[in-house]
Amino acid sequence: MAFVDYRDQANRMSVDELIKHMNSFSLDLKFSAGIWYFSPPGGRFHERYGAELDIGQRLDIASSMQKYGLQAMEAHYPNEINEENLHIWRQFTDDTGIRILTVIPLLFYDAKFEFGSLCSPMEKVRQFALERLIRSLEINKELDTDFAVVWPGIDGYENPFGINFHLMRDRFAAGIAAALDSVPGVRIAFEPKPYEPRGHILYGTSAEGILLGKKVESILNNEQNNKLLADGHPIVGMNPEVGHMQMAFEDLPYSFSLITEYGRLFHTHWNSQPLGNYDQDLNVGVISPEQMEAALYVLKMNGYKGYFGIDVFPERMPVETALRNSFDALRAANDRINAMDHEKIAYAAENPDKARGWIEAYLIRMRARYPERLGPLPDPER
């Protein structure tokens, strides 16, 4: 199992240490992509716009994206990756060098999950969900992935009246813990979402995801898992998705910093999204590019070394175009933050009384096509 040390995300630095870090550390934009949107289906209100592609055809597209920077793939078990097609995936990685980053248990689609999967009040449904989660963890271990992403899309409710929320959350956490103890050494990257398809989804925000991680780890029993925890390694981390965070009206840099404060940022999913609204999975940077830029700056500050997963839904353009645009949006933003004067930014942030409005004025000029046409920017007071 590929084992990544995330503990240094939580390091605290003095201002001088932070400036030195910012001038020496750059984000490594390693891109991954989810196989699910390589052949977008129809929706509630329209037919499929493109031809349906099988897994082999989708992987052919992924192969063509390697030259643009695609390094890893993500897929759900058992609908996208399973025992019958595992040889196709292995051949793909052998031929291209593009690795499988995560195998995601499909815990939300089946009709039997109508009232939840791991949180279901029906024991037979919970057992079925647990067995699927365990098998997905086993495949993650076989393929030497970094973690299994878990998204509880169907675990939630609409009418809150009379629900035993304590018990609902306990069942969900206990199921994750049981699976982790059955396949020790494998990690889970939890992906919160506030709503859709349920009216309210369990553990729907970044802060709640941190609470879930702590809760699950507190009830793990396997010796190997407890040894990792004793050494300070988190077993349940997070895979925050930009769109889900903005559906919950979260501030991206703040939420990313909260996750890194606890050393739990295993992976990131990137797209763009209007605040609130339904889950649109727009290309990276289409909406709120300033939030993307500020989030990348926080990741740079906290030494994030993981992948940048693209999670978009390109209904009206080729997936190749959507991926290239999303790669380019992140690269351009990363170039901008790397070129900034980190010493002056750190000074202004720590001395706001002596740098009123300076960061805002500085960002205006950094984003301007012709900054020389703007007035001069004095240095912050020293």
Protein backbone atom coordinates (compact mmCIF):
# COMPACT_ATOMS: atom_id res chain seq x y z
CA MET A 1 0.00 0.00 0.00
CA ALA A 2 1.38 3.40 -0.95
CA PHE A 3 1.85 5.25 2.34
CA VAL A 4 2.02 9.04 2.40
CA ASP A 5 3.07 11.01 5.48
CA TYR A 6 0.62 13.90 5.92
CA ARG A 7 1.74 14.96 9.39
CA ASP A 8 3.78 17.96 8.30
CA GLN A 9 0.63 19.70 7.04
CA ALA A 10 -0.10 20.58 10.66
CA ASN A 11 3.28 22.23 11.30
CA ARG A 12 3.23 25.76 12.69
CA MET A 13 5.75 28.26 11.33
CA SER A 14 6.92 31.65 12.48
CA VAL A 15 6.61 34.52 10.00
CA ASP A 16 10.26 34.17 9.01
CA GLU A 17 9.93 30.41 8.62
CA LEU A 18 6.78 30.87 6.53
CA ILE A 19 8.49 33.35 4.19
CA LYS A 20 11.40 30.97 3.72
CA HIS A 21 8.97 28.13 3.02
CA MET A 22 6.93 30.16 0.54
CA ASN A 23 10.04 31.14 -1.38
CA SER A 24 11.31 27.56 -1.61
CA PHE A 25 8.17 25.36 -1.87
CA SER A 26 6.00 25.10 -4.95
CA LEU A 27 2.86 23.02 -5.40
CA ASP A 28 3.41 19.99 -7.61
CA LEU A 29 0.37 20.00 -9.89
CA LYS A 30 -0.12 16.26 -10.26
CA PHE A 31 -3.48 15.75 -11.94
CA SER A 32 -5.95 12.91 -11.54
CA ALA A 33 -9.34 12.42 -13.19
CA GLY A 34 -12.49 10.45 -12.48
CA ILE A 35 -13.49 7.92 -15.11
CA TRP A 36 -17.21 8.58 -14.41
CA TYR A 37 -17.44 11.84 -16.40
CA PHE A 38 -15.57 10.60 -19.48
CA SER A 39 -19.00 9.56 -20.82
CA PRO A 40 -21.59 11.88 -19.25
CA PRO A 41 -25.09 10.36 -18.99
CA GLY A 42 -28.34 12.17 -19.56
CA GLY A 43 -30.06 13.94 -16.71
CA ARG A 44 -33.52 14.37 -15.29
CA PHE A 45 -34.36 16.93 -17.96
CA HIS A 46 -32.47 15.94 -21.11
CA GLU A 47 -31.14 12.99 -23.05
CA ARG A 48 -27.50 11.99 -23.22
CA TYR A 49 -25.67 14.43 -25.52
CA GLY A 50 -22.85 12.13 -26.57
CA ALA A 51 -22.32 8.46 -27.33
CA GLU A 52 -22.04 6.05 -24.42
CA LEU A 53 -18.46 4.84 -24.03
CA ASP A 54 -17.30 1.63 -22.38
CA ILE A 55 -14.39 1.54 -19.93
CA GLY A 56 -11.86 0.65 -22.63
CA GLN A 57 -12.89 3.63 -24.76
CA ARG A 58 -12.74 5.95 -21.78
CA LEU A 59 -9.26 4.73 -20.88
CA ASP A 60 -8.18 5.39 -24.45
CA ILE A 61 -9.15 9.04 -23.92
CA ALA A 62 -7.28 9.06 -20.61
CA SER A 63 -4.17 7.75 -22.39
CA SER A 64 -4.31 10.68 -24.80
CA MET A 65 -4.39 13.12 -21.87
CA GLN A 66 -1.11 11.95 -20.39
CA LYS A 67 0.88 14.40 -22.52
CA TYR A 68 -1.14 17.25 -20.99
CA GLY A 69 -0.34 16.19 -17.45
CA LEU A 70 -2.78 13.44 -16.43
CA GLN A 71 -0.99 11.13 -13.99
CA ALA A 72 -3.69 9.16 -12.17
CA MET A 73 -7.26 7.86 -12.47
CA GLU A 74 -10.15 7.40 -10.05
CA ALA A 75 -13.00 4.90 -10.40
CA HIS A 76 -15.98 3.47 -8.50
CA TYR A 77 -16.38 -0.17 -7.47
CA PRO A 78 -18.17 -2.19 -8.79
CA ASN A 79 -19.68 -0.26 -11.71
CA GLU A 80 -16.46 1.17 -13.19
CA ILE A 81 -13.74 -1.06 -11.83
CA ASN A 82 -14.43 -4.62 -10.75
CA GLU A 83 -13.09 -8.18 -10.76
CA GLU A 84 -14.17 -8.72 -14.38
CA ASN A 85 -12.40 -5.69 -15.88
CA LEU A 86 -9.48 -5.37 -13.48
CA HIS A 87 -7.17 -6.79 -16.14
CA ILE A 88 -8.09 -3.88 -18.45
CA TRP A 89 -7.15 -1.37 -15.77
CA ARG A 90 -3.89 -3.17 -14.99
CA GLN A 91 -2.97 -3.22 -18.68
CA PHE A 92 -3.78 0.49 -18.91
CA THR A 93 -1.43 1.35 -16.05
CA ASP A 94 1.29 -0.93 -17.46
CA ASP A 95 1.02 0.65 -20.92
CA THR A 96 0.78 4.30 -19.86
CA GLY A 97 2.27 4.65 -16.38
CA ILE A 98 -0.95 6.42 -15.33
CA ARG A 99 -1.71 4.94 -11.93
CA ILE A 100 -4.98 4.17 -10.19
CA LEU A 101 -5.13 6.64 -7.33
CA THR A 102 -8.31 5.48 -5.60
CA VAL A 103 -11.06 2.89 -5.92
CA ILE A 104 -14.28 4.43 -4.58
CA PRO A 105 -17.04 2.24 -3.12
CA LEU A 106 -20.40 2.86 -4.81
CA LEU A 107 -22.48 3.40 -1.67
CA PHE A 108 -25.20 5.61 -3.09
CA TYR A 109 -26.67 4.29 -6.37
CA ASP A 110 -28.27 0.90 -5.71
CA ALA A 111 -32.02 0.82 -5.04
CA LYS A 112 -31.43 -1.03 -1.78
CA PHE A 113 -29.72 2.14 -0.49
CA GLU A 114 -33.00 4.05 -0.70
CA PHE A 115 -32.86 4.85 3.03
CA GLY A 116 -29.09 5.03 3.36
CA SER A 117 -26.14 2.67 3.12
CA LEU A 118 -23.88 2.52 6.18
CA CYS A 119 -26.36 4.61 8.19
CA SER A 120 -29.43 2.62 7.14
CA PRO A 121 -31.73 1.51 9.98
CA MET A 122 -32.04 -1.86 8.20
CA GLU A 123 -29.30 -4.28 9.24
CA LYS A 124 -29.26 -6.25 5.97
CA VAL A 125 -28.68 -3.07 3.97
CA ARG A 126 -25.90 -1.96 6.31
CA GLN A 127 -24.24 -5.36 5.99
CA PHE A 128 -24.41 -5.21 2.20
CA ALA A 129 -22.88 -1.73 2.25
CA LEU A 130 -20.16 -2.88 4.65
CA GLU A 131 -19.26 -5.84 2.44
CA ARG A 132 -18.99 -3.55 -0.59
CA LEU A 133 -16.81 -1.11 1.34
CA ILE A 134 -14.55 -3.92 2.55
CA ARG A 135 -14.15 -5.31 -0.97
CA SER A 136 -13.30 -1.88 -2.33
CA LEU A 137 -10.65 -1.48 0.38
CA GLU A 138 -9.21 -4.86 -0.59
CA ILE A 139 -8.95 -3.77 -4.23
CA ASN A 140 -7.32 -0.52 -3.15
CA LYS A 141 -4.75 -2.60 -1.30
CA GLU A 142 -4.22 -4.91 -4.30
CA LEU A 143 -3.65 -1.93 -6.60
CA ASP A 144 -1.41 -0.04 -4.16
CA THR A 145 -3.57 3.08 -4.21
CA ASP A 146 -3.18 5.97 -1.77
CA PHE A 147 -6.66 5.74 -0.20
CA ALA A 148 -10.31 4.96 -0.85
CA VAL A 149 -12.51 8.02 -1.28
CA VAL A 150 -15.85 7.64 0.53
CA TRP A 151 -18.77 9.88 -0.41
CA PRO A 152 -22.00 9.30 1.59
CA GLY A 153 -24.35 10.66 -1.06
CA ILE A 154 -27.40 8.65 -0.03
CA ASP A 155 -26.75 8.67 3.73
CA GLY A 156 -28.98 11.45 4.98
CA TYR A 157 -32.57 12.60 5.31
CA GLU A 158 -35.20 15.08 4.18
CA ASN A 159 -37.67 15.28 7.06
CA PRO A 160 -35.66 15.75 10.27
CA PHE A 161 -38.54 15.12 12.66
CA GLY A 162 -38.09 12.13 14.95
CA ILE A 163 -34.74 10.96 13.58
CA ASN A 164 -32.24 9.59 16.10
CA PHE A 165 -29.29 11.54 14.69
CA HIS A 166 -26.84 10.17 17.25
CA LEU A 167 -27.65 6.62 16.21
CA MET A 168 -27.57 7.46 12.50
CA ARG A 169 -24.08 8.97 12.79
CA ASP A 170 -22.92 6.14 15.06
CA ARG A 171 -23.96 3.52 12.53
CA PHE A 172 -22.17 5.32 9.70
CA ALA A 173 -18.93 5.75 11.67
CA ALA A 174 -19.04 2.18 12.97
CA GLY A 175 -19.35 0.84 9.42
CA ILE A 176 -16.28 2.74 8.26
CA ALA A 177 -14.33 1.60 11.32
CA ALA A 178 -15.33 -2.04 10.80
CA ALA A 179 -14.16 -1.92 7.18
CA LEU A 180 -10.84 -0.29 8.08
CA ASP A 181 -10.18 -2.89 10.77
CA SER A 182 -11.01 -5.65 8.26
CA VAL A 183 -8.42 -4.29 5.79
CA PRO A 184 -5.83 -2.61 8.02
CA GLY A 185 -3.32 -0.18 6.63
CA VAL A 186 -5.71 1.19 4.01
CA ARG A 187 -6.86 4.78 4.44
CA ILE A 188 -10.11 6.53 3.67
CA ALA A 189 -10.41 10.04 2.23
CA PHE A 190 -13.86 11.28 3.18
CA GLU A 191 -15.66 13.66 0.81
CA PRO A 192 -18.34 15.86 2.42
CA LYS A 193 -21.33 17.28 0.57
CA PRO A 194 -24.16 19.21 2.23
CA TYR A 195 -27.08 17.99 0.07
CA GLU A 196 -28.05 16.29 -3.20
CA PRO A 197 -29.22 13.65 -3.79
CA ARG A 198 -30.52 13.70 -0.19
CA GLY A 199 -32.01 16.85 1.20
CA HIS A 200 -29.34 16.77 3.89
CA ILE A 201 -26.30 14.47 3.79
CA LEU A 202 -24.50 13.23 6.90
CA TYR A 203 -21.20 14.93 7.72
CA GLY A 204 -21.82 17.48 4.96
CA THR A 205 -19.15 20.11 5.66
CA SER A 206 -15.38 20.22 6.04
CA ALA A 207 -15.57 20.67 9.81
CA GLU A 208 -17.93 17.70 10.13
CA GLY A 209 -15.55 15.60 8.04
CA ILE A 210 -12.80 16.27 10.57
CA LEU A 211 -15.14 15.21 13.38
CA LEU A 212 -15.97 12.01 11.51
CA GLY A 213 -12.29 11.18 11.11
CA LYS A 214 -11.65 11.59 14.81
CA LYS A 215 -14.74 9.58 15.71
CA VAL A 216 -13.84 6.65 13.46
CA GLU A 217 -10.23 6.57 14.63
CA SER A 218 -11.38 6.52 18.28
CA ILE A 219 -13.15 3.17 17.75
CA LEU A 220 -10.58 1.35 15.58
CA ASN A 221 -9.39 -1.92 17.12
CA ASN A 222 -6.91 -3.42 14.67
CA GLU A 223 -3.35 -3.44 16.00
CA GLN A 224 -1.83 -2.21 12.73
CA ASN A 225 -4.23 0.71 12.56
CA ASN A 226 -3.65 1.64 16.18
CA LYS A 227 0.12 1.56 15.64
CA LEU A 228 -0.29 4.10 12.82
CA LEU A 229 -2.45 6.29 15.03
CA ALA A 230 0.05 6.06 17.89
CA ASP A 231 2.72 7.35 15.51
CA GLY A 232 0.54 10.34 14.67
CA HIS A 233 -0.64 9.20 11.22
CA PRO A 234 -4.30 9.88 10.39
CA ILE A 235 -6.21 6.97 8.87
CA VAL A 236 -9.36 8.87 7.97
CA GLY A 237 -8.49 12.00 6.03
CA MET A 238 -10.43 14.08 3.59
CA ASN A 239 -11.01 14.68 -0.08
CA PRO A 240 -12.76 18.08 -0.09
CA GLU A 241 -14.41 18.98 -3.38
CA VAL A 242 -14.51 22.67 -4.30
CA GLY A 243 -18.08 22.46 -5.62
CA HIS A 244 -19.39 20.75 -2.50
CA MET A 245 -17.64 23.29 -0.27
CA GLN A 246 -19.24 26.17 -2.14
CA MET A 247 -22.65 24.49 -2.08
CA ALA A 248 -22.25 24.78 1.70
CA PHE A 249 -21.16 28.44 1.43
CA GLU A 250 -17.71 27.57 2.77
CA ASP A 251 -14.75 29.86 2.22
CA LEU A 252 -12.23 27.72 0.31
CA PRO A 253 -8.95 28.93 1.84
CA TYR A 254 -10.35 28.81 5.36
CA SER A 255 -11.77 25.30 4.97
CA PHE A 256 -8.63 23.93 3.31
CA SER A 257 -6.56 25.44 6.13
CA LEU A 258 -8.82 23.82 8.73
CA ILE A 259 -8.26 20.38 7.19
CA THR A 260 -4.49 20.83 6.96
CA GLU A 261 -4.41 22.05 10.56
CA TYR A 262 -5.35 18.50 11.52
CA GLY A 263 -3.06 16.89 8.93
CA ARG A 264 -5.98 15.29 7.10
CA LEU A 265 -5.82 16.67 3.56
CA PHE A 266 -5.28 13.44 1.61
CA HIS A 267 -6.64 14.58 -1.75
CA THR A 268 -8.47 17.47 -3.42
CA HIS A 269 -11.24 17.62 -6.04
CA TRP A 270 -11.37 20.70 -8.24
CA ASN A 271 -14.17 22.27 -10.25
CA SER A 272 -16.20 25.47 -9.86
CA GLN A 273 -19.66 26.16 -8.53
CA PRO A 274 -22.03 29.03 -7.72
CA LEU A 275 -22.56 29.46 -3.98
CA GLY A 276 -25.40 27.19 -2.95
CA ASN A 277 -27.28 25.95 -6.06
CA TYR A 278 -27.31 22.37 -7.36
CA ASP A 279 -24.04 20.52 -7.92
CA GLN A 280 -22.87 21.80 -11.31
CA ASP A 281 -19.27 20.46 -11.54
CA LEU A 282 -18.19 23.27 -13.87
CA ASN A 283 -14.65 23.44 -15.19
CA VAL A 284 -12.01 24.74 -12.80
CA GLY A 285 -11.83 28.53 -12.61
CA VAL A 286 -15.05 29.30 -14.49
CA ILE A 287 -16.63 30.79 -11.35
CA SER A 288 -14.88 32.41 -8.35
CA PRO A 289 -11.29 32.21 -9.67
CA GLU A 290 -10.19 34.39 -6.75
CA GLN A 291 -11.30 31.64 -4.35
CA MET A 292 -9.29 29.09 -6.32
CA GLU A 293 -6.24 31.35 -6.17
CA ALA A 294 -6.57 31.95 -2.43
CA ALA A 295 -7.08 28.23 -1.82
CA LEU A 296 -3.92 27.37 -3.75
CA TYR A 297 -2.02 29.93 -1.69
CA VAL A 298 -3.17 28.22 1.51
CA LEU A 299 -2.13 24.83 0.13
CA LYS A 300 1.28 26.28 -0.70
CA MET A 301 1.53 27.73 2.82
CA ASN A 302 0.76 24.34 4.35
CA GLY A 303 2.96 22.24 2.07
CA TYR A 304 0.29 20.19 0.29
CA LYS A 305 1.94 17.43 -1.76
CA GLY A 306 -1.09 15.47 -2.97
CA TYR A 307 -2.90 15.22 -6.27
CA PHE A 308 -5.25 17.74 -7.83
CA GLY A 309 -8.23 15.67 -8.89
CA ILE A 310 -10.41 17.14 -11.62
CA ASP A 311 -14.08 16.39 -10.93
CA VAL A 312 -16.12 18.07 -13.65
CA PHE A 313 -19.21 17.20 -15.70
CA PRO A 314 -18.48 18.31 -19.27
CA GLU A 315 -21.90 17.81 -20.86
CA ARG A 316 -21.40 20.32 -23.67
CA MET A 317 -17.76 19.91 -24.63
CA PRO A 318 -15.33 17.02 -25.13
CA VAL A 319 -13.88 15.71 -21.90
CA GLU A 320 -10.40 16.31 -23.36
CA THR A 321 -11.19 20.03 -23.67
CA ALA A 322 -12.62 20.21 -20.15
CA LEU A 323 -9.54 18.55 -18.69
CA ARG A 324 -7.09 20.74 -20.60
CA ASN A 325 -8.96 23.89 -19.56
CA SER A 326 -9.02 22.77 -15.94
CA PHE A 327 -5.32 21.86 -15.95
CA ASP A 328 -4.51 25.24 -17.48
CA ALA A 329 -6.64 27.16 -14.97
CA LEU A 330 -4.76 25.59 -12.06
CA ARG A 331 -1.39 26.07 -13.72
CA ALA A 332 -2.05 29.73 -14.45
CA ALA A 333 -3.22 30.38 -10.88
CA ASN A 334 -0.22 28.50 -9.49
CA ASP A 335 2.13 30.63 -11.61
CA ARG A 336 0.48 33.78 -10.24
CA ILE A 337 0.85 32.79 -6.61
CA ASN A 338 4.45 31.65 -7.08
CA ALA A 339 5.34 35.04 -8.56
CA MET A 340 3.97 37.00 -5.61
CA ASP A 341 6.05 38.83 -3.02
CA HIS A 342 5.52 36.47 -0.11
CA GLU A 343 7.52 38.59 2.34
CA LYS A 344 5.34 41.66 1.80
CA ILE A 345 2.15 39.60 1.91
CA ALA A 346 3.20 38.00 5.20
CA TYR A 347 4.12 41.39 6.64
CA ALA A 348 0.82 42.95 5.58
CA ALA A 349 -1.18 40.01 6.98
CA GLU A 350 0.59 40.22 10.35
CA ASN A 351 0.56 44.04 10.50
CA PRO A 352 -2.87 45.02 9.19
CA ASP A 353 -2.77 48.39 10.97
CA LYS A 354 0.28 49.34 8.90
CA ALA A 355 -0.92 47.90 5.59
CA ARG A 356 -4.55 48.92 5.27
CA GLY A 357 -5.80 47.75 1.88
CA TRP A 358 -2.33 46.79 0.69
CA ILE A 359 -3.03 43.12 -0.08
CA GLU A 360 -6.16 44.07 -2.02
CA ALA A 361 -4.25 46.65 -4.06
CA TYR A 362 -1.42 44.21 -4.64
CA LEU A 363 -3.78 41.52 -5.94
CA ILE A 364 -5.41 44.02 -8.31
CA ARG A 365 -2.03 44.68 -9.86
CA MET A 366 -1.00 41.03 -9.96
CA ARG A 367 -4.18 40.23 -11.89
CA ALA A 368 -4.06 43.26 -14.17
CA ARG A 369 -3.13 42.82 -17.84
CA TYR A 370 -1.47 46.27 -17.83
CA PRO A 371 -0.46 47.01 -14.22
CA GLU A 372 1.69 49.92 -15.40
CA ARG A 373 -1.51 51.81 -16.24
CA LEU A 374 -2.50 51.74 -12.56
CA GLY A 375 -1.17 54.06 -9.90
CA PRO A 376 2.04 53.12 -8.06
CA LEU A 377 1.72 50.77 -5.11
CA PRO A 378 3.63 51.98 -2.04
CA ASP A 379 5.26 49.36 0.14
CA PRO A 380 3.52 48.63 3.46
CA GLU A 381 4.70 50.82 6.35
CA ARG A 382 7.70 49.37 8.08
